[in-house]
Amino acid sequence: MNTVGAKTAREVSSDARAIACVFAVIGVVAVGPFVLLGQHFAPNVANNLQRQSAMLSQAGDHAGAIAASRRAVEIYRGLARVAAVQYAPKLAASLHELSIRLNEAGDDKGALAAIREAAEIRRGLARFSAADAARLEDSLQLLTRFTTARRGELPSRPDFWPPLADASGWQ
């Protein structure tokens, strides 16, 4: 019994699909340019987050420094999936810095995981560049410090160590 204004289930389903398609197209048209712009600005955002992390760390805000550093790592990880040659060195540098921030906050396990990943990325890059080989050496030295401190042979906090901020590869 189909009255005027009432629709069958098939007609409703067809209308719903049509509306969904319209919203999908509008979404792509409206959001698409912003996604592209986001990819354009993402390296600058990640770089600024790294700087913010360093400043927060110097101010004693370890939680804020870690949050900023983790976000930079996330951004560079995504960019490295798209353009590994361009962004893998920056991802490794971000991981190196994140390991320092985590160690400062007392997260030795997290610091070890981050520096191991940074060293692994830099190991692959070192085959192609002397500068990346030097940065690999920096990461391996930091890994050694963290590992040694974890075994109890050295204090685990960086105030015992010389500064490492320049070793990450950031300019």
N, C-alpha and C. Protein backbone atom coordinates (compact mmCIF):
# COMPACT_ATOMS: atom_id res chain seq x y z
N MET A 1 0.83 -1.16 0.00
CA MET A 1 0.00 0.00 0.00
C MET A 1 0.89 1.24 0.00
N ASN A 2 1.08 1.82 -1.16
CA ASN A 2 1.98 2.96 -1.34
C ASN A 2 1.15 4.22 -1.47
N THR A 3 1.24 5.08 -0.46
CA THR A 3 0.50 6.33 -0.51
C THR A 3 1.41 7.44 -0.98
N VAL A 4 0.86 8.58 -1.29
CA VAL A 4 1.63 9.72 -1.74
C VAL A 4 2.52 10.18 -0.59
N GLY A 5 3.80 10.39 -0.85
CA GLY A 5 4.75 10.84 0.18
C GLY A 5 5.44 9.69 0.89
N ALA A 6 4.91 8.51 0.83
CA ALA A 6 5.56 7.36 1.47
C ALA A 6 6.43 6.67 0.44
N LYS A 7 7.60 6.18 0.88
CA LYS A 7 8.52 5.54 -0.05
C LYS A 7 8.75 4.10 0.37
N THR A 8 9.02 3.28 -0.62
CA THR A 8 9.35 1.89 -0.31
C THR A 8 10.78 1.82 0.23
N ALA A 9 11.13 0.70 0.81
CA ALA A 9 12.47 0.52 1.38
C ALA A 9 13.53 0.66 0.28
N ARG A 10 13.22 0.18 -0.90
CA ARG A 10 14.17 0.28 -2.01
C ARG A 10 14.42 1.73 -2.40
N GLU A 11 13.35 2.53 -2.45
CA GLU A 11 13.50 3.94 -2.78
C GLU A 11 14.29 4.69 -1.72
N VAL A 12 14.05 4.39 -0.45
CA VAL A 12 14.79 5.03 0.64
C VAL A 12 16.26 4.66 0.55
N SER A 13 16.55 3.40 0.31
CA SER A 13 17.94 2.94 0.19
C SER A 13 18.62 3.63 -0.98
N SER A 14 17.91 3.77 -2.09
CA SER A 14 18.47 4.43 -3.26
C SER A 14 18.75 5.90 -2.96
N ASP A 15 17.84 6.57 -2.26
CA ASP A 15 18.04 7.98 -1.89
C ASP A 15 19.23 8.11 -0.95
N ALA A 16 19.37 7.21 0.00
CA ALA A 16 20.46 7.27 0.96
C ALA A 16 21.80 7.12 0.26
N ARG A 17 21.86 6.20 -0.71
CA ARG A 17 23.10 6.03 -1.48
C ARG A 17 23.42 7.29 -2.27
N ALA A 18 22.42 7.90 -2.85
CA ALA A 18 22.63 9.12 -3.63
C ALA A 18 23.13 10.25 -2.74
N ILE A 19 22.53 10.39 -1.56
CA ILE A 19 22.96 11.43 -0.63
C ILE A 19 24.39 11.16 -0.17
N ALA A 20 24.71 9.91 0.12
CA ALA A 20 26.06 9.56 0.55
C ALA A 20 27.07 9.89 -0.54
N CYS A 21 26.73 9.62 -1.80
CA CYS A 21 27.64 9.94 -2.91
C CYS A 21 27.84 11.45 -3.03
N VAL A 22 26.77 12.21 -2.87
CA VAL A 22 26.89 13.67 -2.95
C VAL A 22 27.80 14.18 -1.85
N PHE A 23 27.59 13.70 -0.62
CA PHE A 23 28.44 14.14 0.49
C PHE A 23 29.89 13.72 0.28
N ALA A 24 30.10 12.55 -0.28
CA ALA A 24 31.47 12.10 -0.54
C ALA A 24 32.15 13.02 -1.55
N VAL A 25 31.44 13.37 -2.61
CA VAL A 25 32.02 14.26 -3.62
C VAL A 25 32.26 15.64 -3.03
N ILE A 26 31.29 16.17 -2.29
CA ILE A 26 31.48 17.49 -1.68
C ILE A 26 32.65 17.44 -0.71
N GLY A 27 32.74 16.36 0.06
CA GLY A 27 33.85 16.22 1.00
C GLY A 27 35.19 16.22 0.30
N VAL A 28 35.30 15.51 -0.79
CA VAL A 28 36.56 15.47 -1.52
C VAL A 28 36.88 16.84 -2.10
N VAL A 29 35.88 17.51 -2.65
CA VAL A 29 36.12 18.81 -3.24
C VAL A 29 36.48 19.83 -2.16
N ALA A 30 35.78 19.79 -1.04
CA ALA A 30 36.01 20.78 0.01
C ALA A 30 37.26 20.47 0.83
N VAL A 31 37.51 19.20 1.11
CA VAL A 31 38.61 18.83 1.99
C VAL A 31 39.89 18.57 1.20
N GLY A 32 39.78 18.13 -0.01
CA GLY A 32 40.95 17.78 -0.82
C GLY A 32 42.05 18.82 -0.84
N PRO A 33 41.75 20.07 -1.14
CA PRO A 33 42.81 21.09 -1.16
C PRO A 33 43.49 21.27 0.19
N PHE A 34 42.71 21.13 1.27
CA PHE A 34 43.30 21.29 2.60
C PHE A 34 44.23 20.14 2.93
N VAL A 35 43.91 18.95 2.46
CA VAL A 35 44.80 17.80 2.66
C VAL A 35 46.11 18.06 1.95
N LEU A 36 46.03 18.56 0.72
CA LEU A 36 47.24 18.86 -0.03
C LEU A 36 48.04 19.97 0.64
N LEU A 37 47.35 21.00 1.13
CA LEU A 37 48.04 22.06 1.84
C LEU A 37 48.69 21.53 3.12
N GLY A 38 47.99 20.62 3.80
CA GLY A 38 48.54 20.02 5.00
C GLY A 38 49.85 19.30 4.72
N GLN A 39 49.92 18.59 3.61
CA GLN A 39 51.16 17.91 3.25
C GLN A 39 52.25 18.92 2.92
N HIS A 40 51.87 20.05 2.39
CA HIS A 40 52.85 21.07 2.06
C HIS A 40 53.45 21.70 3.33
N PHE A 41 52.61 21.94 4.32
CA PHE A 41 53.06 22.60 5.55
C PHE A 41 53.56 21.64 6.62
N ALA A 42 53.30 20.36 6.46
CA ALA A 42 53.65 19.38 7.49
C ALA A 42 55.13 19.40 7.87
N PRO A 43 56.07 19.49 6.93
CA PRO A 43 57.49 19.54 7.34
C PRO A 43 57.80 20.74 8.22
N ASN A 44 57.21 21.89 7.91
CA ASN A 44 57.44 23.09 8.74
C ASN A 44 56.83 22.92 10.12
N VAL A 45 55.66 22.31 10.18
CA VAL A 45 55.01 22.08 11.47
C VAL A 45 55.88 21.14 12.31
N ALA A 46 56.37 20.06 11.70
CA ALA A 46 57.20 19.10 12.42
C ALA A 46 58.49 19.76 12.92
N ASN A 47 59.11 20.57 12.08
CA ASN A 47 60.32 21.26 12.47
C ASN A 47 60.06 22.21 13.65
N ASN A 48 58.95 22.93 13.59
CA ASN A 48 58.59 23.84 14.68
C ASN A 48 58.27 23.06 15.96
N LEU A 49 57.67 21.89 15.82
CA LEU A 49 57.40 21.06 16.99
C LEU A 49 58.71 20.61 17.65
N GLN A 50 59.70 20.29 16.83
CA GLN A 50 61.01 19.89 17.38
C GLN A 50 61.62 21.05 18.17
N ARG A 51 61.53 22.24 17.61
CA ARG A 51 62.06 23.41 18.32
C ARG A 51 61.29 23.66 19.61
N GLN A 52 59.98 23.52 19.53
CA GLN A 52 59.15 23.70 20.71
C GLN A 52 59.52 22.66 21.77
N SER A 53 59.76 21.44 21.35
CA SER A 53 60.16 20.39 22.28
C SER A 53 61.44 20.76 23.02
N ALA A 54 62.41 21.27 22.28
CA ALA A 54 63.68 21.67 22.91
C ALA A 54 63.46 22.80 23.92
N MET A 55 62.63 23.77 23.56
CA MET A 55 62.37 24.88 24.48
C MET A 55 61.62 24.42 25.72
N LEU A 56 60.63 23.55 25.53
CA LEU A 56 59.88 23.04 26.68
C LEU A 56 60.78 22.22 27.60
N SER A 57 61.67 21.47 27.00
CA SER A 57 62.61 20.67 27.79
C SER A 57 63.51 21.58 28.63
N GLN A 58 64.02 22.63 28.00
CA GLN A 58 64.87 23.58 28.72
C GLN A 58 64.11 24.27 29.86
N ALA A 59 62.81 24.45 29.66
CA ALA A 59 61.99 25.09 30.68
C ALA A 59 61.56 24.11 31.77
N GLY A 60 61.88 22.83 31.59
CA GLY A 60 61.53 21.83 32.59
C GLY A 60 60.19 21.17 32.39
N ASP A 61 59.49 21.46 31.29
CA ASP A 61 58.20 20.84 31.00
C ASP A 61 58.44 19.58 30.18
N HIS A 62 58.80 18.50 30.87
CA HIS A 62 59.14 17.26 30.16
C HIS A 62 57.93 16.65 29.44
N ALA A 63 56.77 16.71 30.06
CA ALA A 63 55.58 16.14 29.42
C ALA A 63 55.25 16.89 28.13
N GLY A 64 55.31 18.21 28.18
CA GLY A 64 55.05 19.00 26.97
C GLY A 64 56.10 18.76 25.90
N ALA A 65 57.36 18.64 26.33
CA ALA A 65 58.45 18.38 25.38
C ALA A 65 58.26 17.04 24.69
N ILE A 66 57.87 16.04 25.46
CA ILE A 66 57.65 14.71 24.88
C ILE A 66 56.47 14.74 23.92
N ALA A 67 55.39 15.40 24.30
CA ALA A 67 54.21 15.47 23.42
C ALA A 67 54.56 16.14 22.10
N ALA A 68 55.29 17.24 22.14
CA ALA A 68 55.67 17.94 20.91
C ALA A 68 56.60 17.06 20.07
N SER A 69 57.53 16.40 20.71
CA SER A 69 58.47 15.55 19.99
C SER A 69 57.77 14.35 19.36
N ARG A 70 56.84 13.75 20.10
CA ARG A 70 56.09 12.61 19.54
C ARG A 70 55.27 13.03 18.32
N ARG A 71 54.66 14.20 18.39
CA ARG A 71 53.87 14.69 17.25
C ARG A 71 54.76 14.92 16.04
N ALA A 72 55.95 15.46 16.26
CA ALA A 72 56.90 15.65 15.15
C ALA A 72 57.28 14.30 14.54
N VAL A 73 57.50 13.31 15.39
CA VAL A 73 57.83 11.96 14.88
C VAL A 73 56.67 11.42 14.05
N GLU A 74 55.45 11.59 14.53
CA GLU A 74 54.28 11.12 13.77
C GLU A 74 54.22 11.78 12.39
N ILE A 75 54.44 13.07 12.35
CA ILE A 75 54.38 13.80 11.07
C ILE A 75 55.48 13.30 10.14
N TYR A 76 56.71 13.21 10.63
CA TYR A 76 57.80 12.75 9.78
C TYR A 76 57.62 11.29 9.37
N ARG A 77 57.04 10.48 10.24
CA ARG A 77 56.79 9.08 9.88
C ARG A 77 55.84 9.01 8.69
N GLY A 78 54.78 9.84 8.72
CA GLY A 78 53.84 9.88 7.60
C GLY A 78 54.49 10.41 6.34
N LEU A 79 55.30 11.45 6.46
CA LEU A 79 55.98 12.00 5.29
C LEU A 79 57.01 11.01 4.73
N ALA A 80 57.66 10.26 5.61
CA ALA A 80 58.66 9.28 5.15
C ALA A 80 57.99 8.14 4.37
N ARG A 81 56.73 7.85 4.69
CA ARG A 81 56.02 6.81 3.92
C ARG A 81 55.83 7.26 2.47
N VAL A 82 55.67 8.55 2.27
CA VAL A 82 55.42 9.10 0.94
C VAL A 82 56.72 9.42 0.21
N ALA A 83 57.70 9.96 0.93
CA ALA A 83 58.97 10.39 0.32
C ALA A 83 60.12 10.02 1.26
N ALA A 84 60.48 8.75 1.26
CA ALA A 84 61.47 8.24 2.21
C ALA A 84 62.83 8.91 2.05
N VAL A 85 63.26 9.13 0.83
CA VAL A 85 64.58 9.72 0.60
C VAL A 85 64.66 11.10 1.24
N GLN A 86 63.61 11.85 1.14
CA GLN A 86 63.60 13.22 1.65
C GLN A 86 63.40 13.27 3.17
N TYR A 87 62.54 12.39 3.71
CA TYR A 87 62.13 12.55 5.10
C TYR A 87 62.67 11.50 6.07
N ALA A 88 63.26 10.43 5.61
CA ALA A 88 63.83 9.45 6.53
C ALA A 88 64.91 10.05 7.42
N PRO A 89 65.81 10.90 6.90
CA PRO A 89 66.79 11.51 7.81
C PRO A 89 66.15 12.38 8.89
N LYS A 90 65.08 13.07 8.54
CA LYS A 90 64.40 13.92 9.53
C LYS A 90 63.63 13.08 10.53
N LEU A 91 63.08 11.95 10.08
CA LEU A 91 62.43 11.03 11.01
C LEU A 91 63.44 10.49 12.00
N ALA A 92 64.62 10.10 11.51
CA ALA A 92 65.66 9.59 12.40
C ALA A 92 66.10 10.66 13.40
N ALA A 93 66.24 11.89 12.94
CA ALA A 93 66.63 12.98 13.84
C ALA A 93 65.54 13.22 14.90
N SER A 94 64.28 13.15 14.49
CA SER A 94 63.18 13.32 15.43
C SER A 94 63.15 12.21 16.47
N LEU A 95 63.40 11.00 16.03
CA LEU A 95 63.45 9.87 16.96
C LEU A 95 64.61 10.01 17.94
N HIS A 96 65.74 10.49 17.43
CA HIS A 96 66.92 10.73 18.27
C HIS A 96 66.56 11.73 19.37
N GLU A 97 65.93 12.83 18.98
CA GLU A 97 65.52 13.85 19.95
C GLU A 97 64.47 13.31 20.92
N LEU A 98 63.52 12.54 20.39
CA LEU A 98 62.49 11.95 21.26
C LEU A 98 63.14 11.06 22.31
N SER A 99 64.16 10.31 21.93
CA SER A 99 64.83 9.43 22.90
C SER A 99 65.46 10.26 24.02
N ILE A 100 66.02 11.40 23.68
CA ILE A 100 66.62 12.27 24.70
C ILE A 100 65.52 12.79 25.63
N ARG A 101 64.40 13.23 25.06
CA ARG A 101 63.30 13.76 25.88
C ARG A 101 62.74 12.68 26.81
N LEU A 102 62.58 11.47 26.28
CA LEU A 102 62.05 10.38 27.10
C LEU A 102 63.02 10.03 28.23
N ASN A 103 64.30 10.04 27.93
CA ASN A 103 65.30 9.75 28.95
C ASN A 103 65.29 10.82 30.03
N GLU A 104 65.16 12.08 29.62
CA GLU A 104 65.10 13.17 30.60
C GLU A 104 63.92 13.00 31.56
N ALA A 105 62.83 12.45 31.04
CA ALA A 105 61.63 12.27 31.85
C ALA A 105 61.65 10.96 32.64
N GLY A 106 62.69 10.14 32.44
CA GLY A 106 62.80 8.89 33.18
C GLY A 106 62.21 7.69 32.49
N ASP A 107 61.78 7.81 31.25
CA ASP A 107 61.23 6.68 30.50
C ASP A 107 62.36 5.98 29.75
N ASP A 108 63.14 5.18 30.47
CA ASP A 108 64.30 4.53 29.86
C ASP A 108 63.91 3.55 28.77
N LYS A 109 62.83 2.81 28.97
CA LYS A 109 62.39 1.83 27.97
C LYS A 109 61.97 2.53 26.67
N GLY A 110 61.21 3.62 26.80
CA GLY A 110 60.80 4.38 25.62
C GLY A 110 61.98 5.02 24.92
N ALA A 111 62.94 5.52 25.72
CA ALA A 111 64.14 6.14 25.15
C ALA A 111 64.94 5.12 24.34
N LEU A 112 65.07 3.93 24.88
CA LEU A 112 65.81 2.88 24.16
C LEU A 112 65.11 2.51 22.85
N ALA A 113 63.79 2.37 22.89
CA ALA A 113 63.04 2.02 21.68
C ALA A 113 63.21 3.10 20.61
N ALA A 114 63.12 4.37 21.01
CA ALA A 114 63.24 5.47 20.03
C ALA A 114 64.64 5.54 19.44
N ILE A 115 65.67 5.41 20.28
CA ILE A 115 67.03 5.53 19.74
C ILE A 115 67.39 4.30 18.91
N ARG A 116 66.85 3.15 19.23
CA ARG A 116 67.10 1.97 18.39
C ARG A 116 66.50 2.16 17.00
N GLU A 117 65.28 2.71 16.95
CA GLU A 117 64.65 2.96 15.65
C GLU A 117 65.43 4.02 14.87
N ALA A 118 65.88 5.07 15.56
CA ALA A 118 66.68 6.10 14.89
C ALA A 118 67.97 5.50 14.33
N ALA A 119 68.63 4.67 15.12
CA ALA A 119 69.88 4.04 14.66
C ALA A 119 69.63 3.13 13.47
N GLU A 120 68.53 2.42 13.49
CA GLU A 120 68.22 1.52 12.38
C GLU A 120 68.00 2.31 11.07
N ILE A 121 67.25 3.39 11.16
CA ILE A 121 67.04 4.23 9.98
C ILE A 121 68.37 4.80 9.50
N ARG A 122 69.16 5.31 10.43
CA ARG A 122 70.45 5.91 10.06
C ARG A 122 71.44 4.88 9.53
N ARG A 123 71.31 3.65 9.99
CA ARG A 123 72.18 2.59 9.45
C ARG A 123 71.93 2.42 7.95
N GLY A 124 70.66 2.46 7.57
CA GLY A 124 70.33 2.37 6.15
C GLY A 124 70.80 3.58 5.36
N LEU A 125 70.71 4.76 5.96
CA LEU A 125 71.12 5.99 5.28
C LEU A 125 72.63 6.13 5.20
N ALA A 126 73.35 5.56 6.16
CA ALA A 126 74.81 5.73 6.24
C ALA A 126 75.53 5.15 5.04
N ARG A 127 74.91 4.23 4.36
CA ARG A 127 75.53 3.64 3.16
C ARG A 127 75.68 4.64 2.04
N PHE A 128 74.93 5.71 2.09
CA PHE A 128 74.90 6.65 0.98
C PHE A 128 75.54 8.01 1.27
N SER A 129 75.85 8.28 2.55
CA SER A 129 76.31 9.63 2.89
C SER A 129 77.22 9.60 4.12
N ALA A 130 78.33 10.32 4.02
CA ALA A 130 79.24 10.43 5.16
C ALA A 130 78.58 11.19 6.31
N ALA A 131 77.76 12.18 5.99
CA ALA A 131 77.06 12.93 7.04
C ALA A 131 76.10 12.01 7.80
N ASP A 132 75.41 11.15 7.07
CA ASP A 132 74.49 10.21 7.73
C ASP A 132 75.27 9.17 8.52
N ALA A 133 76.46 8.82 8.06
CA ALA A 133 77.30 7.89 8.82
C ALA A 133 77.72 8.52 10.15
N ALA A 134 78.04 9.81 10.14
CA ALA A 134 78.40 10.51 11.37
C ALA A 134 77.19 10.58 12.32
N ARG A 135 76.02 10.80 11.77
CA ARG A 135 74.81 10.85 12.60
C ARG A 135 74.48 9.48 13.16
N LEU A 136 74.75 8.44 12.38
CA LEU A 136 74.58 7.07 12.88
C LEU A 136 75.48 6.85 14.08
N GLU A 137 76.72 7.30 13.98
CA GLU A 137 77.65 7.16 15.10
C GLU A 137 77.12 7.87 16.35
N ASP A 138 76.55 9.06 16.16
CA ASP A 138 75.96 9.79 17.29
C ASP A 138 74.82 8.99 17.93
N SER A 139 73.96 8.42 17.10
CA SER A 139 72.85 7.63 17.63
C SER A 139 73.34 6.37 18.33
N LEU A 140 74.36 5.74 17.76
CA LEU A 140 74.91 4.54 18.40
C LEU A 140 75.58 4.87 19.72
N GLN A 141 76.22 6.02 19.81
CA GLN A 141 76.82 6.44 21.08
C GLN A 141 75.73 6.67 22.13
N LEU A 142 74.63 7.30 21.72
CA LEU A 142 73.53 7.53 22.64
C LEU A 142 72.90 6.20 23.06
N LEU A 143 72.74 5.29 22.12
CA LEU A 143 72.21 3.97 22.42
C LEU A 143 73.11 3.26 23.44
N THR A 144 74.42 3.38 23.25
CA THR A 144 75.36 2.77 24.20
C THR A 144 75.20 3.39 25.58
N ARG A 145 75.07 4.69 25.63
CA ARG A 145 74.89 5.37 26.93
C ARG A 145 73.63 4.90 27.62
N PHE A 146 72.52 4.82 26.87
CA PHE A 146 71.26 4.39 27.47
C PHE A 146 71.35 2.95 27.94
N THR A 147 71.95 2.09 27.12
CA THR A 147 72.07 0.68 27.47
C THR A 147 72.96 0.51 28.70
N THR A 148 74.07 1.21 28.72
CA THR A 148 74.99 1.13 29.86
C THR A 148 74.32 1.65 31.12
N ALA A 149 73.60 2.76 31.01
CA ALA A 149 72.91 3.32 32.17
C ALA A 149 71.83 2.37 32.66
N ARG A 150 71.17 1.70 31.75
CA ARG A 150 70.10 0.77 32.14
C ARG A 150 70.67 -0.42 32.91
N ARG A 151 71.88 -0.83 32.56
CA ARG A 151 72.53 -1.94 33.28
C ARG A 151 73.07 -1.48 34.62
N GLY A 152 73.02 -0.16 34.88
CA GLY A 152 73.45 0.35 36.16
C GLY A 152 74.91 0.74 36.22
N GLU A 153 75.59 0.79 35.09
CA GLU A 153 77.00 1.14 35.08
C GLU A 153 77.24 2.64 35.06
N LEU A 154 76.24 3.41 34.63
CA LEU A 154 76.32 4.87 34.60
C LEU A 154 75.02 5.43 35.14
N PRO A 155 75.03 6.66 35.60
CA PRO A 155 73.75 7.29 35.93
C PRO A 155 72.87 7.35 34.69
N SER A 156 71.57 7.18 34.88
CA SER A 156 70.67 7.11 33.73
C SER A 156 70.24 8.47 33.22
N ARG A 157 70.51 9.53 33.91
CA ARG A 157 70.06 10.85 33.48
C ARG A 157 71.15 11.62 32.77
N PRO A 158 70.78 12.46 31.81
CA PRO A 158 71.76 13.14 30.97
C PRO A 158 72.57 14.22 31.65
N ASP A 159 72.23 14.65 32.87
CA ASP A 159 73.03 15.70 33.49
C ASP A 159 74.44 15.21 33.80
N PHE A 160 74.64 13.90 33.77
CA PHE A 160 75.96 13.32 33.95
C PHE A 160 76.78 13.39 32.65
N TRP A 161 76.07 13.47 31.52
CA TRP A 161 76.69 13.38 30.20
C TRP A 161 76.92 14.75 29.59
N PRO A 162 77.83 14.82 28.63
CA PRO A 162 77.97 16.07 27.87
C PRO A 162 76.72 16.30 27.01
N PRO A 163 76.45 17.53 26.59
CA PRO A 163 75.26 17.83 25.80
C PRO A 163 75.26 17.07 24.47
N LEU A 164 74.06 16.64 24.06
CA LEU A 164 73.92 15.88 22.81
C LEU A 164 73.01 16.57 21.81
N ALA A 165 72.54 17.75 22.10
CA ALA A 165 71.54 18.40 21.25
C ALA A 165 71.99 18.54 19.81
N ASP A 166 73.27 18.79 19.56
CA ASP A 166 73.74 18.96 18.19
C ASP A 166 73.91 17.64 17.46
N ALA A 167 73.86 16.53 18.16
CA ALA A 167 74.10 15.23 17.55
C ALA A 167 72.92 14.71 16.76
N SER A 168 71.77 15.33 16.87
CA SER A 168 70.58 14.79 16.24
C SER A 168 70.54 15.00 14.74
N GLY A 169 71.23 16.00 14.25
CA GLY A 169 71.19 16.29 12.82
C GLY A 169 70.31 17.46 12.48
N TRP A 170 69.74 18.14 13.48
CA TRP A 170 68.91 19.32 13.22
C TRP A 170 69.77 20.51 12.95
N GLN A 171 69.35 21.31 11.99
CA GLN A 171 70.07 22.56 11.70
C GLN A 171 69.33 23.71 12.27
